[in-house]
Amino acid sequence: MQLISVEIIRLNSTLRIVLRH
């Protein structure tokens, strides 16, 4: 399922931004 992959990528991006702060 591509939807799951897209969601994981979005979550990773958000986590990276949060961790940066």
Protein backbone atom coordinates (compact mmCIF):
# COMPACT_ATOMS: atom_id res chain seq x y z
CA MET A 1 0.00 0.00 0.00
CA GLN A 2 1.48 3.34 -1.04
CA LEU A 3 -0.76 5.28 1.35
CA ILE A 4 1.03 3.77 4.34
CA SER A 5 4.43 4.70 2.87
CA VAL A 6 3.30 8.27 2.28
CA GLU A 7 2.00 8.56 5.84
CA ILE A 8 5.28 7.20 7.25
CA ILE A 9 7.28 9.70 5.19
CA ARG A 10 5.07 12.56 6.39
CA LEU A 11 5.45 11.40 10.00
CA ASN A 12 9.23 11.20 9.57
CA SER A 13 9.32 14.73 8.21
CA THR A 14 7.24 16.01 11.13
CA LEU A 15 9.38 14.14 13.67
CA ARG A 16 12.57 15.57 12.13
CA ILE A 17 11.18 19.11 12.39
CA VAL A 18 10.07 18.54 16.00
CA LEU A 19 13.43 17.01 16.93
CA ARG A 20 15.23 19.98 15.35
CA HIS A 21 13.50 22.28 17.84
